[in-house]
């Protein structure tokens, strides 16, 4: 994952996690994904950045035929420059 600041500087992350697979007919339900991330560097003011933490994604299952599902991400962790 790449996060980009307003000035174009970037932070690079690697992440892994899991979420339950939604069942047919459960459109509108919330899927909770638990994800760990690690900061692996960056550009500009984020060059050499390290850190990591956890993310939780709350994803609204809009249905298998819908290409984009709304989500809210909650982050907790640190970035050290």
C-alpha atoms as a PDB file:
ATOM      1  CA  UNK A   1       0.000   0.000   0.000  1.00  0.00           C
ATOM      2  CA  UNK A   2       1.207   3.519  -0.708  1.00  0.00           C
ATOM      3  CA  UNK A   3      -0.041   6.565   1.214  1.00  0.00           C
ATOM      4  CA  UNK A   4       0.572   9.929  -0.462  1.00  0.00           C
ATOM      5  CA  UNK A   5       0.788  13.254   1.403  1.00  0.00           C
ATOM      6  CA  UNK A   6      -0.519  16.556   0.058  1.00  0.00           C
ATOM      7  CA  UNK A   7       2.969  17.459  -1.208  1.00  0.00           C
ATOM      8  CA  UNK A   8       3.444  14.104  -3.003  1.00  0.00           C
ATOM      9  CA  UNK A   9       5.735  12.468  -0.409  1.00  0.00           C
ATOM     10  CA  UNK A  10       4.838   8.811   0.095  1.00  0.00           C
ATOM     11  CA  UNK A  11       4.880   6.165   2.835  1.00  0.00           C
ATOM     12  CA  UNK A  12       5.121   2.504   1.810  1.00  0.00           C
ATOM     13  CA  UNK A  13       3.362  -0.245   3.753  1.00  0.00           C
ATOM     14  CA  UNK A  14       3.040  -4.005   3.514  1.00  0.00           C
ATOM     15  CA  UNK A  15       0.017  -5.589   5.118  1.00  0.00           C
ATOM     16  CA  UNK A  16      -1.758  -8.889   5.702  1.00  0.00           C
ATOM     17  CA  UNK A  17      -5.039  -9.819   7.255  1.00  0.00           C
ATOM     18  CA  UNK A  18      -8.293 -11.613   6.865  1.00  0.00           C
ATOM     19  CA  UNK A  19     -12.038 -11.175   6.769  1.00  0.00           C
ATOM     20  CA  UNK A  20     -14.905 -13.640   6.653  1.00  0.00           C
ATOM     21  CA  UNK A  21     -16.339 -14.344   3.209  1.00  0.00           C
ATOM     22  CA  UNK A  22     -19.853 -12.869   2.945  1.00  0.00           C
ATOM     23  CA  UNK A  23     -22.791 -15.198   2.375  1.00  0.00           C
ATOM     24  CA  UNK A  24     -25.235 -14.623  -0.480  1.00  0.00           C
ATOM     25  CA  UNK A  25     -28.292 -12.699   0.655  1.00  0.00           C
ATOM     26  CA  UNK A  26     -26.453 -10.745   3.351  1.00  0.00           C
ATOM     27  CA  UNK A  27     -26.160  -7.497   1.367  1.00  0.00           C
ATOM     28  CA  UNK A  28     -25.977  -4.486   3.667  1.00  0.00           C
ATOM     29  CA  UNK A  29     -24.219  -6.404   6.440  1.00  0.00           C
ATOM     30  CA  UNK A  30     -20.871  -5.274   7.847  1.00  0.00           C
ATOM     31  CA  UNK A  31     -17.748  -7.363   7.267  1.00  0.00           C
ATOM     32  CA  UNK A  32     -14.934  -6.773   9.777  1.00  0.00           C
ATOM     33  CA  UNK A  33     -11.370  -7.263   8.493  1.00  0.00           C
ATOM     34  CA  UNK A  34      -8.396  -7.378  10.884  1.00  0.00           C
ATOM     35  CA  UNK A  35      -5.115  -6.330   9.270  1.00  0.00           C
ATOM     36  CA  UNK A  36      -1.505  -5.932  10.470  1.00  0.00           C
ATOM     37  CA  UNK A  37       0.743  -3.450   8.653  1.00  0.00           C
ATOM     38  CA  UNK A  38       4.442  -2.609   8.564  1.00  0.00           C
ATOM     39  CA  UNK A  39       5.938   0.664   7.334  1.00  0.00           C
ATOM     40  CA  UNK A  40       8.769  -0.184   4.912  1.00  0.00           C
ATOM     41  CA  UNK A  41      10.026   3.267   3.888  1.00  0.00           C
ATOM     42  CA  UNK A  42       8.982   6.214   1.838  1.00  0.00           C
ATOM     43  CA  UNK A  43      10.016   9.230  -0.186  1.00  0.00           C
ATOM     44  CA  UNK A  44      10.794  12.853   0.713  1.00  0.00           C
ATOM     45  CA  UNK A  45      10.189  13.562   4.385  1.00  0.00           C
ATOM     46  CA  UNK A  46       9.147   9.904   4.833  1.00  0.00           C
ATOM     47  CA  UNK A  47      12.405   8.452   3.478  1.00  0.00           C
ATOM     48  CA  UNK A  48      13.648   5.786   5.884  1.00  0.00           C
ATOM     49  CA  UNK A  49      10.320   5.641   7.760  1.00  0.00           C
ATOM     50  CA  UNK A  50       9.664   2.572   9.909  1.00  0.00           C
ATOM     51  CA  UNK A  51       6.840   1.434  12.145  1.00  0.00           C
ATOM     52  CA  UNK A  52       3.646  -0.520  11.989  1.00  0.00           C
ATOM     53  CA  UNK A  53       0.415  -1.371  13.683  1.00  0.00           C
ATOM     54  CA  UNK A  54      -3.072  -2.666  13.125  1.00  0.00           C
ATOM     55  CA  UNK A  55      -5.975  -1.656  10.929  1.00  0.00           C
ATOM     56  CA  UNK A  56      -9.593  -2.681  11.224  1.00  0.00           C
ATOM     57  CA  UNK A  57     -11.813  -2.296   8.177  1.00  0.00           C
ATOM     58  CA  UNK A  58     -15.586  -2.122   8.487  1.00  0.00           C
ATOM     59  CA  UNK A  59     -16.837  -3.005   5.006  1.00  0.00           C
ATOM     60  CA  UNK A  60     -20.461  -2.764   3.874  1.00  0.00           C
ATOM     61  CA  UNK A  61     -21.173  -5.847   1.772  1.00  0.00           C
ATOM     62  CA  UNK A  62     -22.950  -4.349  -1.239  1.00  0.00           C
ATOM     63  CA  UNK A  63     -23.325  -7.640  -3.125  1.00  0.00           C
ATOM     64  CA  UNK A  64     -21.179  -9.768  -5.393  1.00  0.00           C
ATOM     65  CA  UNK A  65     -22.324  -7.884  -8.529  1.00  0.00           C
ATOM     66  CA  UNK A  66     -21.244  -4.490  -7.149  1.00  0.00           C
ATOM     67  CA  UNK A  67     -17.601  -3.575  -7.975  1.00  0.00           C
ATOM     68  CA  UNK A  68     -17.011  -1.217  -5.002  1.00  0.00           C
ATOM     69  CA  UNK A  69     -18.035  -1.648  -1.382  1.00  0.00           C
ATOM     70  CA  UNK A  70     -18.015   1.288   1.082  1.00  0.00           C
ATOM     71  CA  UNK A  71     -15.635   0.897   4.006  1.00  0.00           C
ATOM     72  CA  UNK A  72     -14.346   2.701   7.089  1.00  0.00           C
ATOM     73  CA  UNK A  73     -10.748   2.066   8.167  1.00  0.00           C
ATOM     74  CA  UNK A  74      -9.532   2.478  11.753  1.00  0.00           C
ATOM     75  CA  UNK A  75      -5.745   2.693  12.124  1.00  0.00           C
ATOM     76  CA  UNK A  76      -3.606   2.300  15.247  1.00  0.00           C
ATOM     77  CA  UNK A  77       0.179   2.275  15.164  1.00  0.00           C
ATOM     78  CA  UNK A  78       3.312   4.343  14.803  1.00  0.00           C
ATOM     79  CA  UNK A  79       5.518   5.837  12.120  1.00  0.00           C
ATOM     80  CA  UNK A  80       9.078   6.751  13.052  1.00  0.00           C
ATOM     81  CA  UNK A  81      11.105   9.088  10.845  1.00  0.00           C
END
